[in-house]
Amino acid sequence: MGRVKFITQAGKEILAIDMSQCDAMAFRAVAAEAQPLVAKQGTKSLLTLTNLTGVGLDADTRDAIREFIAENKPFVKASALYGVSGIGRAVGSALIAATGRRMKIFESEGEALAWLATQD
């Protein structure tokens, strides 16, 4: 699929995950592509950048997002999300609060990358 790749920002390796325009089925397909890469990382060592532009907000998609976050929790140090606005931002904030993970929502990819570069 090509929606998952490692990139480097300020010397830090970041797993970039492009979930843009995904419905629940497509979201699960991209998650399945990302999961083997995530699972190869050390505990709390991975930085992730996720593009959520145009992701649907139906119950199936929210469930897929929750599942993906839960599966990756042991490996992820910090996550930056972007492309979320309006009601999606409120839903995202609620998901972040429920997970207890270090995750933030940003207006742009650039802001998200800048924040990830500061995470230790």
PDB file of N, CA and C in Angstrom:
ATOM      1  N   MET A   1       0.811  -1.200   0.000  1.00  0.00           N
ATOM      2  CA  MET A   1       0.000   0.000   0.000  1.00  0.00           C
ATOM      3  C   MET A   1       0.855   1.264   0.000  1.00  0.00           C
ATOM      4  N   GLY A   2       1.980   1.254   0.704  1.00  0.00           N
ATOM      5  CA  GLY A   2       2.860   2.403   0.703  1.00  0.00           C
ATOM      6  C   GLY A   2       2.415   3.556   1.578  1.00  0.00           C
ATOM      7  N   ARG A   3       1.560   3.317   2.545  1.00  0.00           N
ATOM      8  CA  ARG A   3       1.082   4.386   3.417  1.00  0.00           C
ATOM      9  C   ARG A   3       1.834   4.442   4.745  1.00  0.00           C
ATOM     10  N   VAL A   4       2.819   3.590   4.901  1.00  0.00           N
ATOM     11  CA  VAL A   4       3.580   3.526   6.148  1.00  0.00           C
ATOM     12  C   VAL A   4       5.065   3.542   5.807  1.00  0.00           C
ATOM     13  N   LYS A   5       5.799   4.490   6.411  1.00  0.00           N
ATOM     14  CA  LYS A   5       7.236   4.546   6.139  1.00  0.00           C
ATOM     15  C   LYS A   5       7.947   5.264   7.279  1.00  0.00           C
ATOM     16  N   PHE A   6       9.220   4.959   7.428  1.00  0.00           N
ATOM     17  CA  PHE A   6      10.045   5.669   8.393  1.00  0.00           C
ATOM     18  C   PHE A   6      10.616   6.904   7.723  1.00  0.00           C
ATOM     19  N   ILE A   7      10.593   8.010   8.455  1.00  0.00           N
ATOM     20  CA  ILE A   7      11.194   9.263   8.001  1.00  0.00           C
ATOM     21  C   ILE A   7      12.113   9.751   9.118  1.00  0.00           C
ATOM     22  N   THR A   8      12.965  10.717   8.792  1.00  0.00           N
ATOM     23  CA  THR A   8      13.854  11.291   9.799  1.00  0.00           C
ATOM     24  C   THR A   8      13.575  12.778   9.920  1.00  0.00           C
ATOM     25  N   GLN A   9      13.451  13.241  11.167  1.00  0.00           N
ATOM     26  CA  GLN A   9      13.243  14.655  11.457  1.00  0.00           C
ATOM     27  C   GLN A   9      14.186  15.035  12.587  1.00  0.00           C
ATOM     28  N   ALA A  10      15.057  15.984  12.335  1.00  0.00           N
ATOM     29  CA  ALA A  10      16.012  16.461  13.342  1.00  0.00           C
ATOM     30  C   ALA A  10      16.766  15.294  13.978  1.00  0.00           C
ATOM     31  N   GLY A  11      17.146  14.334  13.144  1.00  0.00           N
ATOM     32  CA  GLY A  11      17.929  13.194  13.618  1.00  0.00           C
ATOM     33  C   GLY A  11      17.122  12.103  14.304  1.00  0.00           C
ATOM     34  N   LYS A  12      15.810  12.252  14.362  1.00  0.00           N
ATOM     35  CA  LYS A  12      14.968  11.251  15.025  1.00  0.00           C
ATOM     36  C   LYS A  12      14.199  10.459  13.984  1.00  0.00           C
ATOM     37  N   GLU A  13      14.164   9.153  14.179  1.00  0.00           N
ATOM     38  CA  GLU A  13      13.405   8.286  13.288  1.00  0.00           C
ATOM     39  C   GLU A  13      11.946   8.288  13.722  1.00  0.00           C
ATOM     40  N   ILE A  14      11.054   8.517  12.771  1.00  0.00           N
ATOM     41  CA  ILE A  14       9.622   8.630  13.030  1.00  0.00           C
ATOM     42  C   ILE A  14       8.882   7.729  12.049  1.00  0.00           C
ATOM     43  N   LEU A  15       7.913   6.983  12.565  1.00  0.00           N
ATOM     44  CA  LEU A  15       7.069   6.177  11.691  1.00  0.00           C
ATOM     45  C   LEU A  15       5.904   7.042  11.229  1.00  0.00           C
ATOM     46  N   ALA A  16       5.866   7.346   9.933  1.00  0.00           N
ATOM     47  CA  ALA A  16       4.799   8.157   9.347  1.00  0.00           C
ATOM     48  C   ALA A  16       3.720   7.223   8.812  1.00  0.00           C
ATOM     49  N   ILE A  17       2.485   7.461   9.251  1.00  0.00           N
ATOM     50  CA  ILE A  17       1.357   6.610   8.874  1.00  0.00           C
ATOM     51  C   ILE A  17       0.313   7.504   8.206  1.00  0.00           C
ATOM     52  N   ASP A  18       0.008   7.227   6.963  1.00  0.00           N
ATOM     53  CA  ASP A  18      -0.938   8.038   6.197  1.00  0.00           C
ATOM     54  C   ASP A  18      -2.309   7.354   6.198  1.00  0.00           C
ATOM     55  N   MET A  19      -3.187   7.818   7.071  1.00  0.00           N
ATOM     56  CA  MET A  19      -4.551   7.291   7.161  1.00  0.00           C
ATOM     57  C   MET A  19      -5.543   8.193   6.432  1.00  0.00           C
ATOM     58  N   SER A  20      -5.039   9.164   5.693  1.00  0.00           N
ATOM     59  CA  SER A  20      -5.919  10.144   5.056  1.00  0.00           C
ATOM     60  C   SER A  20      -6.957   9.466   4.166  1.00  0.00           C
ATOM     61  N   GLN A  21      -8.169  10.022   4.246  1.00  0.00           N
ATOM     62  CA  GLN A  21      -9.311   9.584   3.437  1.00  0.00           C
ATOM     63  C   GLN A  21      -9.712   8.117   3.680  1.00  0.00           C
ATOM     64  N   CYS A  22      -9.356   7.558   4.813  1.00  0.00           N
ATOM     65  CA  CYS A  22      -9.673   6.157   5.103  1.00  0.00           C
ATOM     66  C   CYS A  22     -11.027   6.013   5.786  1.00  0.00           C
ATOM     67  N   ASP A  23     -11.800   5.036   5.311  1.00  0.00           N
ATOM     68  CA  ASP A  23     -12.959   4.595   6.066  1.00  0.00           C
ATOM     69  C   ASP A  23     -12.472   3.476   6.986  1.00  0.00           C
ATOM     70  N   ALA A  24     -13.357   2.834   7.718  1.00  0.00           N
ATOM     71  CA  ALA A  24     -12.935   1.821   8.693  1.00  0.00           C
ATOM     72  C   ALA A  24     -12.161   0.684   8.044  1.00  0.00           C
ATOM     73  N   MET A  25     -12.620   0.204   6.898  1.00  0.00           N
ATOM     74  CA  MET A  25     -11.942  -0.915   6.239  1.00  0.00           C
ATOM     75  C   MET A  25     -10.538  -0.513   5.785  1.00  0.00           C
ATOM     76  N   ALA A  26     -10.415   0.647   5.173  1.00  0.00           N
ATOM     77  CA  ALA A  26      -9.106   1.118   4.724  1.00  0.00           C
ATOM     78  C   ALA A  26      -8.204   1.416   5.914  1.00  0.00           C
ATOM     79  N   PHE A  27      -8.777   1.975   6.985  1.00  0.00           N
ATOM     80  CA  PHE A  27      -8.003   2.259   8.192  1.00  0.00           C
ATOM     81  C   PHE A  27      -7.395   0.959   8.727  1.00  0.00           C
ATOM     82  N   ARG A  28      -8.207  -0.084   8.797  1.00  0.00           N
ATOM     83  CA  ARG A  28      -7.710  -1.376   9.289  1.00  0.00           C
ATOM     84  C   ARG A  28      -6.620  -1.945   8.374  1.00  0.00           C
ATOM     85  N   ALA A  29      -6.739  -1.718   7.075  1.00  0.00           N
ATOM     86  CA  ALA A  29      -5.718  -2.203   6.139  1.00  0.00           C
ATOM     87  C   ALA A  29      -4.386  -1.480   6.370  1.00  0.00           C
ATOM     88  N   VAL A  30      -4.435  -0.169   6.562  1.00  0.00           N
ATOM     89  CA  VAL A  30      -3.205   0.585   6.822  1.00  0.00           C
ATOM     90  C   VAL A  30      -2.635   0.190   8.184  1.00  0.00           C
ATOM     91  N   ALA A  31      -3.500   0.006   9.162  1.00  0.00           N
ATOM     92  CA  ALA A  31      -3.055  -0.437  10.488  1.00  0.00           C
ATOM     93  C   ALA A  31      -2.350  -1.788  10.395  1.00  0.00           C
ATOM     94  N   ALA A  32      -2.877  -2.684   9.576  1.00  0.00           N
ATOM     95  CA  ALA A  32      -2.254  -4.001   9.390  1.00  0.00           C
ATOM     96  C   ALA A  32      -0.885  -3.871   8.722  1.00  0.00           C
ATOM     97  N   GLU A  33      -0.720  -2.892   7.868  1.00  0.00           N
ATOM     98  CA  GLU A  33       0.582  -2.620   7.240  1.00  0.00           C
ATOM     99  C   GLU A  33       1.570  -2.079   8.278  1.00  0.00           C
ATOM    100  N   ALA A  34       1.084  -1.222   9.172  1.00  0.00           N
ATOM    101  CA  ALA A  34       1.957  -0.594  10.165  1.00  0.00           C
ATOM    102  C   ALA A  34       2.316  -1.528  11.318  1.00  0.00           C
ATOM    103  N   GLN A  35       1.403  -2.386  11.714  1.00  0.00           N
ATOM    104  CA  GLN A  35       1.572  -3.166  12.934  1.00  0.00           C
ATOM    105  C   GLN A  35       2.876  -3.976  13.002  1.00  0.00           C
ATOM    106  N   PRO A  36       3.284  -4.670  11.947  1.00  0.00           N
ATOM    107  CA  PRO A  36       4.549  -5.421  12.037  1.00  0.00           C
ATOM    108  C   PRO A  36       5.761  -4.520  12.275  1.00  0.00           C
ATOM    109  N   LEU A  37       5.755  -3.325  11.701  1.00  0.00           N
ATOM    110  CA  LEU A  37       6.860  -2.377  11.924  1.00  0.00           C
ATOM    111  C   LEU A  37       6.852  -1.877  13.363  1.00  0.00           C
ATOM    112  N   VAL A  38       5.688  -1.586  13.877  1.00  0.00           N
ATOM    113  CA  VAL A  38       5.551  -1.100  15.251  1.00  0.00           C
ATOM    114  C   VAL A  38       6.022  -2.172  16.231  1.00  0.00           C
ATOM    115  N   ALA A  39       5.585  -3.399  16.007  1.00  0.00           N
ATOM    116  CA  ALA A  39       5.882  -4.501  16.938  1.00  0.00           C
ATOM    117  C   ALA A  39       7.367  -4.859  16.985  1.00  0.00           C
ATOM    118  N   LYS A  40       8.135  -4.415  16.009  1.00  0.00           N
ATOM    119  CA  LYS A  40       9.582  -4.686  15.998  1.00  0.00           C
ATOM    120  C   LYS A  40      10.371  -3.681  16.835  1.00  0.00           C
ATOM    121  N   GLN A  41       9.702  -2.657  17.338  1.00  0.00           N
ATOM    122  CA  GLN A  41      10.379  -1.598  18.078  1.00  0.00           C
ATOM    123  C   GLN A  41      10.489  -1.964  19.556  1.00  0.00           C
ATOM    124  N   GLY A  42      11.412  -1.334  20.225  1.00  0.00           N
ATOM    125  CA  GLY A  42      11.571  -1.538  21.659  1.00  0.00           C
ATOM    126  C   GLY A  42      10.424  -0.893  22.429  1.00  0.00           C
ATOM    127  N   THR A  43      10.286  -1.283  23.671  1.00  0.00           N
ATOM    128  CA  THR A  43       9.247  -0.728  24.524  1.00  0.00           C
ATOM    129  C   THR A  43       9.412   0.779  24.659  1.00  0.00           C
ATOM    130  N   LYS A  44       8.306   1.504  24.432  1.00  0.00           N
ATOM    131  CA  LYS A  44       8.255   2.974  24.551  1.00  0.00           C
ATOM    132  C   LYS A  44       9.391   3.673  23.799  1.00  0.00           C
ATOM    133  N   SER A  45       9.697   3.189  22.598  1.00  0.00           N
ATOM    134  CA  SER A  45      10.807   3.766  21.835  1.00  0.00           C
ATOM    135  C   SER A  45      10.373   4.471  20.549  1.00  0.00           C
ATOM    136  N   LEU A  46       9.157   4.243  20.102  1.00  0.00           N
ATOM    137  CA  LEU A  46       8.726   4.689  18.774  1.00  0.00           C
ATOM    138  C   LEU A  46       8.025   6.045  18.806  1.00  0.00           C
ATOM    139  N   LEU A  47       8.371   6.883  17.845  1.00  0.00           N
ATOM    140  CA  LEU A  47       7.667   8.137  17.594  1.00  0.00           C
ATOM    141  C   LEU A  47       6.815   7.927  16.346  1.00  0.00           C
ATOM    142  N   THR A  48       5.535   8.331  16.399  1.00  0.00           N
ATOM    143  CA  THR A  48       4.669   8.160  15.239  1.00  0.00           C
ATOM    144  C   THR A  48       4.036   9.475  14.826  1.00  0.00           C
ATOM    145  N   LEU A  49       3.857   9.625  13.534  1.00  0.00           N
ATOM    146  CA  LEU A  49       3.208  10.770  12.918  1.00  0.00           C
ATOM    147  C   LEU A  49       2.065  10.220  12.080  1.00  0.00           C
ATOM    148  N   THR A  50       0.831  10.641  12.378  1.00  0.00           N
ATOM    149  CA  THR A  50      -0.313  10.088  11.666  1.00  0.00           C
ATOM    150  C   THR A  50      -1.137  11.188  11.016  1.00  0.00           C
ATOM    151  N   ASN A  51      -1.348  11.025   9.698  1.00  0.00           N
ATOM    152  CA  ASN A  51      -2.180  11.935   8.920  1.00  0.00           C
ATOM    153  C   ASN A  51      -3.606  11.390   8.950  1.00  0.00           C
ATOM    154  N   LEU A  52      -4.524  12.152   9.557  1.00  0.00           N
ATOM    155  CA  LEU A  52      -5.922  11.732   9.674  1.00  0.00           C
ATOM    156  C   LEU A  52      -6.861  12.598   8.830  1.00  0.00           C
ATOM    157  N   THR A  53      -6.325  13.274   7.829  1.00  0.00           N
ATOM    158  CA  THR A  53      -7.135  14.126   6.966  1.00  0.00           C
ATOM    159  C   THR A  53      -8.248  13.312   6.300  1.00  0.00           C
ATOM    160  N   GLY A  54      -9.486  13.756   6.493  1.00  0.00           N
ATOM    161  CA  GLY A  54     -10.615  13.125   5.818  1.00  0.00           C
ATOM    162  C   GLY A  54     -11.025  11.769   6.358  1.00  0.00           C
ATOM    163  N   VAL A  55     -10.530  11.385   7.530  1.00  0.00           N
ATOM    164  CA  VAL A  55     -10.931  10.099   8.116  1.00  0.00           C
ATOM    165  C   VAL A  55     -12.357  10.223   8.627  1.00  0.00           C
ATOM    166  N   GLY A  56     -13.170   9.222   8.325  1.00  0.00           N
ATOM    167  CA  GLY A  56     -14.563   9.224   8.764  1.00  0.00           C
ATOM    168  C   GLY A  56     -14.692   9.088  10.270  1.00  0.00           C
ATOM    169  N   LEU A  57     -15.836   9.489  10.795  1.00  0.00           N
ATOM    170  CA  LEU A  57     -16.059   9.465  12.240  1.00  0.00           C
ATOM    171  C   LEU A  57     -17.139   8.479  12.651  1.00  0.00           C
ATOM    172  N   ASP A  58     -17.463   7.524  11.792  1.00  0.00           N
ATOM    173  CA  ASP A  58     -18.494   6.565  12.174  1.00  0.00           C
ATOM    174  C   ASP A  58     -17.968   5.626  13.260  1.00  0.00           C
ATOM    175  N   ALA A  59     -18.860   4.885  13.862  1.00  0.00           N
ATOM    176  CA  ALA A  59     -18.512   4.012  14.990  1.00  0.00           C
ATOM    177  C   ALA A  59     -17.454   2.978  14.605  1.00  0.00           C
ATOM    178  N   ASP A  60     -17.541   2.412  13.403  1.00  0.00           N
ATOM    179  CA  ASP A  60     -16.561   1.406  12.978  1.00  0.00           C
ATOM    180  C   ASP A  60     -15.157   2.003  12.892  1.00  0.00           C
ATOM    181  N   THR A  61     -15.056   3.210  12.371  1.00  0.00           N
ATOM    182  CA  THR A  61     -13.750   3.851  12.264  1.00  0.00           C
ATOM    183  C   THR A  61     -13.207   4.199  13.641  1.00  0.00           C
ATOM    184  N   ARG A  62     -14.049   4.707  14.523  1.00  0.00           N
ATOM    185  CA  ARG A  62     -13.605   5.002  15.897  1.00  0.00           C
ATOM    186  C   ARG A  62     -13.111   3.739  16.583  1.00  0.00           C
ATOM    187  N   ASP A  63     -13.811   2.619  16.370  1.00  0.00           N
ATOM    188  CA  ASP A  63     -13.364   1.338  16.946  1.00  0.00           C
ATOM    189  C   ASP A  63     -12.015   0.926  16.380  1.00  0.00           C
ATOM    190  N   ALA A  64     -11.830   1.106  15.069  1.00  0.00           N
ATOM    191  CA  ALA A  64     -10.561   0.750  14.429  1.00  0.00           C
ATOM    192  C   ALA A  64      -9.424   1.595  14.998  1.00  0.00           C
ATOM    193  N   ILE A  65      -9.684   2.876  15.226  1.00  0.00           N
ATOM    194  CA  ILE A  65      -8.672   3.770  15.795  1.00  0.00           C
ATOM    195  C   ILE A  65      -8.314   3.319  17.207  1.00  0.00           C
ATOM    196  N   ARG A  66      -9.339   3.040  18.017  1.00  0.00           N
ATOM    197  CA  ARG A  66      -9.096   2.578  19.402  1.00  0.00           C
ATOM    198  C   ARG A  66      -8.252   1.304  19.420  1.00  0.00           C
ATOM    199  N   GLU A  67      -8.589   0.361  18.555  1.00  0.00           N
ATOM    200  CA  GLU A  67      -7.857  -0.909  18.487  1.00  0.00           C
ATOM    201  C   GLU A  67      -6.401  -0.674  18.106  1.00  0.00           C
ATOM    202  N   PHE A  68      -6.175   0.172  17.133  1.00  0.00           N
ATOM    203  CA  PHE A  68      -4.822   0.448  16.673  1.00  0.00           C
ATOM    204  C   PHE A  68      -3.994   1.099  17.778  1.00  0.00           C
ATOM    205  N   ILE A  69      -4.592   2.062  18.473  1.00  0.00           N
ATOM    206  CA  ILE A  69      -3.895   2.726  19.573  1.00  0.00           C
ATOM    207  C   ILE A  69      -3.551   1.725  20.670  1.00  0.00           C
ATOM    208  N   ALA A  70      -4.486   0.856  21.012  1.00  0.00           N
ATOM    209  CA  ALA A  70      -4.259  -0.131  22.081  1.00  0.00           C
ATOM    210  C   ALA A  70      -3.157  -1.121  21.709  1.00  0.00           C
ATOM    211  N   GLU A  71      -3.151  -1.595  20.477  1.00  0.00           N
ATOM    212  CA  GLU A  71      -2.134  -2.560  20.034  1.00  0.00           C
ATOM    213  C   GLU A  71      -0.733  -1.973  20.088  1.00  0.00           C
ATOM    214  N   ASN A  72      -0.627  -0.689  19.825  1.00  0.00           N
ATOM    215  CA  ASN A  72       0.683  -0.047  19.717  1.00  0.00           C
ATOM    216  C   ASN A  72       1.190   0.562  21.019  1.00  0.00           C
ATOM    217  N   LYS A  73       0.340   0.639  22.016  1.00  0.00           N
ATOM    218  CA  LYS A  73       0.686   1.324  23.254  1.00  0.00           C
ATOM    219  C   LYS A  73       2.028   0.901  23.850  1.00  0.00           C
ATOM    220  N   PRO A  74       2.367  -0.389  23.895  1.00  0.00           N
ATOM    221  CA  PRO A  74       3.637  -0.770  24.524  1.00  0.00           C
ATOM    222  C   PRO A  74       4.884  -0.240  23.809  1.00  0.00           C
ATOM    223  N   PHE A  75       4.761   0.083  22.542  1.00  0.00           N
ATOM    224  CA  PHE A  75       5.926   0.425  21.725  1.00  0.00           C
ATOM    225  C   PHE A  75       6.104   1.925  21.494  1.00  0.00           C
ATOM    226  N   VAL A  76       5.033   2.697  21.647  1.00  0.00           N
ATOM    227  CA  VAL A  76       5.052   4.100  21.248  1.00  0.00           C
ATOM    228  C   VAL A  76       5.405   5.022  22.416  1.00  0.00           C
ATOM    229  N   LYS A  77       6.407   5.840  22.183  1.00  0.00           N
ATOM    230  CA  LYS A  77       6.828   6.853  23.158  1.00  0.00           C
ATOM    231  C   LYS A  77       5.933   8.097  23.036  1.00  0.00           C
ATOM    232  N   ALA A  78       5.709   8.561  21.801  1.00  0.00           N
ATOM    233  CA  ALA A  78       4.885   9.741  21.564  1.00  0.00           C
ATOM    234  C   ALA A  78       4.296   9.683  20.163  1.00  0.00           C
ATOM    235  N   SER A  79       3.085  10.220  20.045  1.00  0.00           N
ATOM    236  CA  SER A  79       2.392  10.251  18.758  1.00  0.00           C
ATOM    237  C   SER A  79       1.891  11.651  18.467  1.00  0.00           C
ATOM    238  N   ALA A  80       2.058  12.067  17.233  1.00  0.00           N
ATOM    239  CA  ALA A  80       1.521  13.342  16.768  1.00  0.00           C
ATOM    240  C   ALA A  80       0.521  13.058  15.653  1.00  0.00           C
ATOM    241  N   LEU A  81      -0.640  13.680  15.765  1.00  0.00           N
ATOM    242  CA  LEU A  81      -1.708  13.519  14.791  1.00  0.00           C
ATOM    243  C   LEU A  81      -1.964  14.862  14.122  1.00  0.00           C
ATOM    244  N   TYR A  82      -2.302  14.829  12.839  1.00  0.00           N
ATOM    245  CA  TYR A  82      -2.680  16.071  12.164  1.00  0.00           C
ATOM    246  C   TYR A  82      -3.728  15.782  11.110  1.00  0.00           C
ATOM    247  N   GLY A  83      -4.380  16.855  10.652  1.00  0.00           N
ATOM    248  CA  GLY A  83      -5.434  16.707   9.655  1.00  0.00           C
ATOM    249  C   GLY A  83      -6.796  16.496  10.284  1.00  0.00           C
ATOM    250  N   VAL A  84      -6.915  16.808  11.567  1.00  0.00           N
ATOM    251  CA  VAL A  84      -8.164  16.618  12.295  1.00  0.00           C
ATOM    252  C   VAL A  84      -8.719  17.990  12.648  1.00  0.00           C
ATOM    253  N   SER A  85      -9.991  18.212  12.358  1.00  0.00           N
ATOM    254  CA  SER A  85     -10.597  19.494  12.702  1.00  0.00           C
ATOM    255  C   SER A  85     -12.037  19.280  13.149  1.00  0.00           C
ATOM    256  N   GLY A  86     -12.628  20.322  13.675  1.00  0.00           N
ATOM    257  CA  GLY A  86     -14.028  20.278  14.067  1.00  0.00           C
ATOM    258  C   GLY A  86     -14.325  19.182  15.066  1.00  0.00           C
ATOM    259  N   ILE A  87     -15.392  18.433  14.781  1.00  0.00           N
ATOM    260  CA  ILE A  87     -15.825  17.356  15.671  1.00  0.00           C
ATOM    261  C   ILE A  87     -14.753  16.276  15.775  1.00  0.00           C
ATOM    262  N   GLY A  88     -13.993  16.077  14.715  1.00  0.00           N
ATOM    263  CA  GLY A  88     -12.921  15.083  14.732  1.00  0.00           C
ATOM    264  C   GLY A  88     -11.867  15.402  15.777  1.00  0.00           C
ATOM    265  N   ARG A  89     -11.622  16.679  15.965  1.00  0.00           N
ATOM    266  CA  ARG A  89     -10.653  17.107  16.978  1.00  0.00           C
ATOM    267  C   ARG A  89     -11.161  16.767  18.379  1.00  0.00           C
ATOM    268  N   ALA A  90     -12.446  16.960  18.611  1.00  0.00           N
ATOM    269  CA  ALA A  90     -13.044  16.625  19.910  1.00  0.00           C
ATOM    270  C   ALA A  90     -13.010  15.119  20.153  1.00  0.00           C
ATOM    271  N   VAL A  91     -13.337  14.350  19.122  1.00  0.00           N
ATOM    272  CA  VAL A  91     -13.285  12.882  19.237  1.00  0.00           C
ATOM    273  C   VAL A  91     -11.850  12.444  19.492  1.00  0.00           C
ATOM    274  N   GLY A  92     -10.902  13.029  18.766  1.00  0.00           N
ATOM    275  CA  GLY A  92      -9.488  12.699  18.957  1.00  0.00           C
ATOM    276  C   GLY A  92      -9.010  13.015  20.358  1.00  0.00           C
ATOM    277  N   SER A  93      -9.407  14.152  20.871  1.00  0.00           N
ATOM    278  CA  SER A  93      -9.011  14.536  22.231  1.00  0.00           C
ATOM    279  C   SER A  93      -9.570  13.559  23.255  1.00  0.00           C
ATOM    280  N   ALA A  94     -10.801  13.106  23.042  1.00  0.00           N
ATOM    281  CA  ALA A  94     -11.398  12.120  23.950  1.00  0.00           C
ATOM    282  C   ALA A  94     -10.648  10.793  23.884  1.00  0.00           C
ATOM    283  N   LEU A  95     -10.261  10.377  22.676  1.00  0.00           N
ATOM    284  CA  LEU A  95      -9.491   9.135  22.530  1.00  0.00           C
ATOM    285  C   LEU A  95      -8.137   9.245  23.225  1.00  0.00           C
ATOM    286  N   ILE A  96      -7.496  10.382  23.079  1.00  0.00           N
ATOM    287  CA  ILE A  96      -6.197  10.595  23.709  1.00  0.00           C
ATOM    288  C   ILE A  96      -6.336  10.504  25.225  1.00  0.00           C
ATOM    289  N   ALA A  97      -7.334  11.162  25.761  1.00  0.00           N
ATOM    290  CA  ALA A  97      -7.552  11.133  27.210  1.00  0.00           C
ATOM    291  C   ALA A  97      -7.807   9.706  27.692  1.00  0.00           C
ATOM    292  N   ALA A  98      -8.547   8.928  26.923  1.00  0.00           N
ATOM    293  CA  ALA A  98      -8.894   7.559  27.310  1.00  0.00           C
ATOM    294  C   ALA A  98      -7.689   6.620  27.267  1.00  0.00           C
ATOM    295  N   THR A  99      -6.728   6.900  26.403  1.00  0.00           N
ATOM    296  CA  THR A  99      -5.588   5.997  26.244  1.00  0.00           C
ATOM    297  C   THR A  99      -4.484   6.243  27.259  1.00  0.00           C
ATOM    298  N   GLY A 100      -4.392   7.475  27.743  1.00  0.00           N
ATOM    299  CA  GLY A 100      -3.315   7.805  28.660  1.00  0.00           C
ATOM    300  C   GLY A 100      -1.952   7.869  27.986  1.00  0.00           C
ATOM    301  N   ARG A 101      -1.947   7.911  26.663  1.00  0.00           N
ATOM    302  CA  ARG A 101      -0.689   7.987  25.919  1.00  0.00           C
ATOM    303  C   ARG A 101      -0.277   9.420  25.676  1.00  0.00           C
ATOM    304  N   ARG A 102       1.010   9.599  25.393  1.00  0.00           N
ATOM    305  CA  ARG A 102       1.529  10.926  25.032  1.00  0.00           C
ATOM    306  C   ARG A 102       1.219  11.137  23.553  1.00  0.00           C
ATOM    307  N   MET A 103       0.103  11.785  23.300  1.00  0.00           N
ATOM    308  CA  MET A 103      -0.365  12.070  21.944  1.00  0.00           C
ATOM    309  C   MET A 103      -0.857  13.506  21.909  1.00  0.00           C
ATOM    310  N   LYS A 104      -0.613  14.152  20.767  1.00  0.00           N
ATOM    311  CA  LYS A 104      -1.100  15.519  20.581  1.00  0.00           C
ATOM    312  C   LYS A 104      -1.638  15.666  19.168  1.00  0.00           C
ATOM    313  N   ILE A 105      -2.621  16.541  19.046  1.00  0.00           N
ATOM    314  CA  ILE A 105      -3.208  16.862  17.746  1.00  0.00           C
ATOM    315  C   ILE A 105      -2.673  18.221  17.305  1.00  0.00           C
ATOM    316  N   PHE A 106      -2.261  18.308  16.041  1.00  0.00           N
ATOM    317  CA  PHE A 106      -1.691  19.529  15.490  1.00  0.00           C
ATOM    318  C   PHE A 106      -2.441  19.960  14.242  1.00  0.00           C
ATOM    319  N   GLU A 107      -2.325  21.238  13.932  1.00  0.00           N
ATOM    320  CA  GLU A 107      -2.962  21.797  12.739  1.00  0.00           C
ATOM    321  C   GLU A 107      -2.280  21.318  11.461  1.00  0.00           C
ATOM    322  N   SER A 108      -0.948  21.152  11.527  1.00  0.00           N
ATOM    323  CA  SER A 108      -0.214  20.829  10.304  1.00  0.00           C
ATOM    324  C   SER A 108       0.829  19.734  10.554  1.00  0.00           C
ATOM    325  N   GLU A 109       1.266  19.150   9.465  1.00  0.00           N
ATOM    326  CA  GLU A 109       2.328  18.145   9.535  1.00  0.00           C
ATOM    327  C   GLU A 109       3.612  18.759  10.087  1.00  0.00           C
ATOM    328  N   GLY A 110       3.922  19.972   9.666  1.00  0.00           N
ATOM    329  CA  GLY A 110       5.133  20.638  10.128  1.00  0.00           C
ATOM    330  C   GLY A 110       5.158  20.834  11.635  1.00  0.00           C
ATOM    331  N   GLU A 111       4.029  21.287  12.193  1.00  0.00           N
ATOM    332  CA  GLU A 111       3.940  21.464  13.645  1.00  0.00           C
ATOM    333  C   GLU A 111       4.080  20.124  14.366  1.00  0.00           C
ATOM    334  N   ALA A 112       3.452  19.100  13.815  1.00  0.00           N
ATOM    335  CA  ALA A 112       3.519  17.767  14.416  1.00  0.00           C
ATOM    336  C   ALA A 112       4.951  17.241  14.412  1.00  0.00           C
ATOM    337  N   LEU A 113       5.640  17.396  13.303  1.00  0.00           N
ATOM    338  CA  LEU A 113       7.029  16.945  13.205  1.00  0.00           C
ATOM    339  C   LEU A 113       7.942  17.715  14.159  1.00  0.00           C
ATOM    340  N   ALA A 114       7.716  19.013  14.258  1.00  0.00           N
ATOM    341  CA  ALA A 114       8.543  19.827  15.166  1.00  0.00           C
ATOM    342  C   ALA A 114       8.370  19.344  16.602  1.00  0.00           C
ATOM    343  N   TRP A 115       7.160  19.030  17.011  1.00  0.00           N
ATOM    344  CA  TRP A 115       6.921  18.544  18.363  1.00  0.00           C
ATOM    345  C   TRP A 115       7.578  17.178  18.578  1.00  0.00           C
ATOM    346  N   LEU A 116       7.408  16.277  17.604  1.00  0.00           N
ATOM    347  CA  LEU A 116       8.014  14.939  17.731  1.00  0.00           C
ATOM    348  C   LEU A 116       9.531  15.026  17.884  1.00  0.00           C
ATOM    349  N   ALA A 117      10.138  15.979  17.187  1.00  0.00           N
ATOM    350  CA  ALA A 117      11.595  16.132  17.246  1.00  0.00           C
ATOM    351  C   ALA A 117      12.074  16.513  18.654  1.00  0.00           C
ATOM    352  N   THR A 118      11.168  17.021  19.489  1.00  0.00           N
ATOM    353  CA  THR A 118      11.548  17.416  20.855  1.00  0.00           C
ATOM    354  C   THR A 118      11.269  16.326  21.890  1.00  0.00           C
ATOM    355  N   GLN A 119      10.685  15.219  21.470  1.00  0.00           N
ATOM    356  CA  GLN A 119      10.299  14.181  22.417  1.00  0.00           C
ATOM    357  C   GLN A 119      11.474  13.264  22.748  1.00  0.00           C
ATOM    358  N   ASP A 120      11.738  13.124  24.040  1.00  0.00           N
ATOM    359  CA  ASP A 120      12.812  12.237  24.511  1.00  0.00           C
ATOM    360  C   ASP A 120      12.237  11.092  25.301  1.00  0.00           C
TER     361      ASP A 120
END
